[in-house]
Protein backbone atom coordinates (compact mmCIF):
# COMPACT_ATOMS: atom_id res chain seq x y z
CA MET A 1 96.06 46.70 107.74
CA PHE A 2 93.79 47.38 104.77
CA HIS A 3 90.62 49.44 105.06
CA PRO A 4 87.90 49.71 102.43
CA TRP A 5 88.55 53.45 102.44
CA GLU A 6 92.30 53.06 101.82
CA GLY A 7 93.64 56.28 100.34
CA GLY A 8 90.77 58.31 101.75
CA GLU A 9 92.46 59.45 104.94
CA GLY A 10 90.28 61.93 106.74
CA VAL A 11 87.10 61.11 104.82
CA ILE A 12 85.67 58.62 107.32
CA THR A 13 86.66 60.70 110.33
CA GLY A 14 85.22 63.78 108.63
CA GLN A 15 81.88 62.00 108.26
CA PHE A 16 82.09 60.90 111.89
CA ILE A 17 82.49 64.53 112.97
CA ILE A 18 79.70 65.78 110.68
CA ASN A 19 77.36 63.13 112.08
CA LYS A 20 78.17 64.10 115.68
CA LEU A 21 77.79 67.82 114.90
CA CYS A 22 74.42 67.37 113.20
CA TYR A 23 73.14 65.24 116.05
CA ALA A 24 74.38 67.79 118.61
CA ILE A 25 72.81 70.72 116.73
CA ASN A 26 69.46 68.91 116.68
CA LEU A 27 69.76 68.29 120.42
CA MET A 28 70.55 71.98 120.91
CA LYS A 29 67.41 72.93 118.98
CA MET A 30 65.46 70.76 121.42
CA LYS A 31 67.30 72.53 124.28
CA ASN A 32 68.87 69.26 125.42
CA PHE A 33 72.25 70.85 126.08
CA PRO A 34 73.67 68.15 128.40
CA GLU A 35 73.22 65.47 125.71
CA ALA A 36 74.55 67.82 123.02
CA ILE A 37 77.67 68.36 125.14
CA LYS A 38 78.08 64.61 125.46
CA GLN A 39 77.88 64.18 121.67
CA LEU A 40 80.29 67.05 120.99
CA LEU A 41 82.84 65.77 123.49
CA SER A 42 82.66 62.32 121.90
CA ALA A 43 83.44 63.92 118.53
CA LEU A 44 86.85 64.97 119.85
CA ASN A 45 88.00 61.33 120.10
CA TYR A 46 87.66 58.87 117.26
CA PRO A 47 86.55 55.33 118.06
CA PHE A 48 89.17 52.67 117.47
CA ASN A 49 87.04 50.91 114.85
CA LEU A 50 87.45 53.83 112.43
CA GLY A 51 91.06 52.71 112.09
CA GLU A 52 92.27 56.27 111.81
CA GLY A 53 93.65 58.98 114.05
CA ARG A 54 93.45 62.73 113.96
CA LEU A 55 94.95 64.62 111.05
CA PHE A 56 97.99 66.82 111.61
CA GLN A 57 97.05 70.25 113.02
CA GLN A 58 93.34 69.46 113.23
CA THR A 59 91.77 72.17 115.38
CA ASP A 60 88.10 71.18 115.76
CA ASN A 61 87.12 74.86 115.95
CA ASP A 62 83.50 74.07 115.08
CA ILE A 63 83.18 71.49 117.85
CA HIS A 64 84.66 73.87 120.42
CA TYR A 65 82.37 76.69 119.27
CA TYR A 66 79.25 74.56 119.79
CA LEU A 67 80.60 73.33 123.13
CA GLY A 68 80.96 76.98 124.13
CA VAL A 69 77.35 77.64 123.14
CA CYS A 70 76.08 74.62 125.08
CA TYR A 71 78.05 75.40 128.23
CA GLU A 72 76.88 79.01 128.05
CA GLN A 73 73.27 77.80 127.95
CA GLU A 74 74.02 75.61 130.96
CA LYS A 75 75.36 78.68 132.82
CA GLN A 76 78.87 77.20 132.99
CA HIS A 77 80.59 80.40 131.91
CA LYS A 78 84.22 79.46 132.65
CA ILE A 79 84.01 76.25 130.62
CA SER A 80 82.13 78.11 127.91
CA LEU A 81 84.87 80.74 127.65
CA HIS A 82 87.52 78.00 127.48
CA HIS A 83 85.82 76.43 124.46
CA PHE A 84 85.17 79.76 122.75
CA LYS A 85 88.91 80.53 123.06
CA LYS A 86 89.83 77.11 121.66
CA ALA A 87 87.44 77.75 118.75
CA THR A 88 89.58 80.72 117.70
CA GLN A 89 92.92 78.88 117.74
CA GLY A 90 94.70 77.38 114.79
CA ALA A 91 95.57 78.49 111.30
CA HIS A 92 92.98 80.32 109.26
CA GLU A 93 94.34 79.00 105.99
CA ILE A 94 93.80 75.69 104.27
CA GLY A 95 97.01 73.75 104.69
CA GLN A 96 98.31 70.53 103.26
CA SER A 97 96.53 68.40 105.85
CA ARG A 98 93.16 69.77 104.72
CA TYR A 99 93.40 69.06 101.01
CA TYR A 100 96.30 66.71 100.34
CA ASN A 101 94.02 63.85 99.41
CA ASP A 102 91.31 65.64 97.45
């Protein structure tokens, strides 16, 4: 299967995540935390039409951090703590999967 972004693995999905994060942050500024949570959770799964899956060892720390913030604002402390912990997991170094194509 050929995609117009052939050779740009991770670029389209990266833009997908950035879009979802920006939208969620704007919703958080408006204190619409339930909708922000919905957007952040949807960023964890790529739609089929992107034609791409998750990169090896992708951690989504930023998404989990913002989910923690939203759940904390919604007084759901256990779920908030879960996401804050997930936000700290993963390597702290740039590995091959983060720059192999740039």
